[in-house]
Amino acid sequence: MTVVPGYVDMQLQKGYQTTHLIEALRRACDLLEPEGLVMVLEPLNPRDHAGQFLSKIPQAYEICRAVDSP
C-alpha cells in the first residue's frame, strides 16, 4: 500500500507534524501488519505536487526509522 501523508499544515510547526505522522504510521502498522499488508511511504516531488509534506527521500527515511516497524 502506498502512503502519501498529505499537505503541509501551515498552522503546525514541521517537527510537530512529523511527530504526528510517525504516531499515525505506528498505529497503522499495528493494524496492517497482522493482515500481511506493507506500507510504502512515498515522497512526492515539489515541482509536480506543491505543498505536500513529504517531498524528500531523506525525510521519508527519517520517518521510517522513527516508526521502527519491519
C-alpha atoms as a PDB file:
ATOM      1  CA  MET A   1       0.000   0.000   0.000  1.00  0.00           C
ATOM      2  CA  THR A   2       1.423   3.374  -0.987  1.00  0.00           C
ATOM      3  CA  VAL A   3       1.080   6.081   1.655  1.00  0.00           C
ATOM      4  CA  VAL A   4       1.271   9.808   0.918  1.00  0.00           C
ATOM      5  CA  PRO A   5       0.993  11.844   4.143  1.00  0.00           C
ATOM      6  CA  GLY A   6      -0.767  14.839   2.606  1.00  0.00           C
ATOM      7  CA  TYR A   7      -0.218  18.569   2.670  1.00  0.00           C
ATOM      8  CA  VAL A   8       1.901  20.726   4.927  1.00  0.00           C
ATOM      9  CA  ASP A   9      -0.166  22.110   7.800  1.00  0.00           C
ATOM     10  CA  MET A  10       0.731  25.793   7.901  1.00  0.00           C
ATOM     11  CA  GLN A  11      -0.721  26.063  11.432  1.00  0.00           C
ATOM     12  CA  LEU A  12       1.696  23.466  12.826  1.00  0.00           C
ATOM     13  CA  GLN A  13       5.474  23.519  13.077  1.00  0.00           C
ATOM     14  CA  LYS A  14       7.179  20.877  10.918  1.00  0.00           C
ATOM     15  CA  GLY A  15       8.537  18.973  13.932  1.00  0.00           C
ATOM     16  CA  TYR A  16       5.066  18.556  15.411  1.00  0.00           C
ATOM     17  CA  GLN A  17       3.626  17.469  12.087  1.00  0.00           C
ATOM     18  CA  THR A  18       6.435  14.921  11.741  1.00  0.00           C
ATOM     19  CA  THR A  19       5.713  13.580  15.232  1.00  0.00           C
ATOM     20  CA  HIS A  20       2.004  13.238  14.439  1.00  0.00           C
ATOM     21  CA  LEU A  21       2.808  11.427  11.194  1.00  0.00           C
ATOM     22  CA  ILE A  22       5.138   8.992  12.974  1.00  0.00           C
ATOM     23  CA  GLU A  23       2.459   8.207  15.556  1.00  0.00           C
ATOM     24  CA  ALA A  24      -0.196   7.713  12.867  1.00  0.00           C
ATOM     25  CA  LEU A  25       2.082   5.362  10.921  1.00  0.00           C
ATOM     26  CA  ARG A  26       2.861   3.357  14.070  1.00  0.00           C
ATOM     27  CA  ARG A  27      -0.864   2.913  14.697  1.00  0.00           C
ATOM     28  CA  ALA A  28      -1.406   1.928  11.073  1.00  0.00           C
ATOM     29  CA  CYS A  29       1.379  -0.663  11.356  1.00  0.00           C
ATOM     30  CA  ASP A  30      -0.352  -2.199  14.356  1.00  0.00           C
ATOM     31  CA  LEU A  31      -3.479  -2.670  12.232  1.00  0.00           C
ATOM     32  CA  LEU A  32      -1.924  -3.622   8.901  1.00  0.00           C
ATOM     33  CA  GLU A  33       0.939  -5.936   9.843  1.00  0.00           C
ATOM     34  CA  PRO A  34      -1.312  -8.733  11.193  1.00  0.00           C
ATOM     35  CA  GLU A  35      -3.142  -8.646   7.843  1.00  0.00           C
ATOM     36  CA  GLY A  36       0.098  -9.034   5.887  1.00  0.00           C
ATOM     37  CA  LEU A  37      -0.083  -5.540   4.382  1.00  0.00           C
ATOM     38  CA  VAL A  38       3.047  -3.457   3.833  1.00  0.00           C
ATOM     39  CA  MET A  39       3.076   0.334   3.634  1.00  0.00           C
ATOM     40  CA  VAL A  40       5.401   2.193   1.298  1.00  0.00           C
ATOM     41  CA  LEU A  41       5.957   5.825   2.218  1.00  0.00           C
ATOM     42  CA  GLU A  42       6.267   7.896  -0.945  1.00  0.00           C
ATOM     43  CA  PRO A  43       7.779  11.376  -1.098  1.00  0.00           C
ATOM     44  CA  LEU A  44       6.335  13.478  -3.926  1.00  0.00           C
ATOM     45  CA  ASN A  45       8.425  15.991  -5.815  1.00  0.00           C
ATOM     46  CA  PRO A  46       7.519  19.598  -5.016  1.00  0.00           C
ATOM     47  CA  ARG A  47       7.517  20.625  -8.680  1.00  0.00           C
ATOM     48  CA  ASP A  48       4.507  18.475  -9.612  1.00  0.00           C
ATOM     49  CA  HIS A  49       2.974  18.157  -6.135  1.00  0.00           C
ATOM     50  CA  ALA A  50       3.322  21.535  -4.442  1.00  0.00           C
ATOM     51  CA  GLY A  51       2.563  21.720  -0.744  1.00  0.00           C
ATOM     52  CA  GLN A  52       2.998  18.039   0.058  1.00  0.00           C
ATOM     53  CA  PHE A  53       4.504  17.389   3.491  1.00  0.00           C
ATOM     54  CA  LEU A  54       6.785  14.576   2.363  1.00  0.00           C
ATOM     55  CA  SER A  55       8.971  15.767  -0.503  1.00  0.00           C
ATOM     56  CA  LYS A  56      12.468  14.343   0.062  1.00  0.00           C
ATOM     57  CA  ILE A  57      13.831  10.810   0.392  1.00  0.00           C
ATOM     58  CA  PRO A  58      15.956  11.633   3.481  1.00  0.00           C
ATOM     59  CA  GLN A  59      12.826  12.946   5.206  1.00  0.00           C
ATOM     60  CA  ALA A  60      10.988   9.693   4.404  1.00  0.00           C
ATOM     61  CA  TYR A  61      13.969   7.674   5.653  1.00  0.00           C
ATOM     62  CA  GLU A  62      13.985   9.584   8.945  1.00  0.00           C
ATOM     63  CA  ILE A  63      10.279   8.963   9.433  1.00  0.00           C
ATOM     64  CA  CYS A  64      10.545   5.260   8.574  1.00  0.00           C
ATOM     65  CA  ARG A  65      13.400   4.855  11.067  1.00  0.00           C
ATOM     66  CA  ALA A  66      11.335   6.564  13.749  1.00  0.00           C
ATOM     67  CA  VAL A  67       8.309   4.347  13.079  1.00  0.00           C
ATOM     68  CA  ASP A  68      10.626   1.367  13.619  1.00  0.00           C
ATOM     69  CA  SER A  69       8.482  -1.313  12.015  1.00  0.00           C
ATOM     70  CA  PRO A  70       9.630  -4.125   9.750  1.00  0.00           C
END
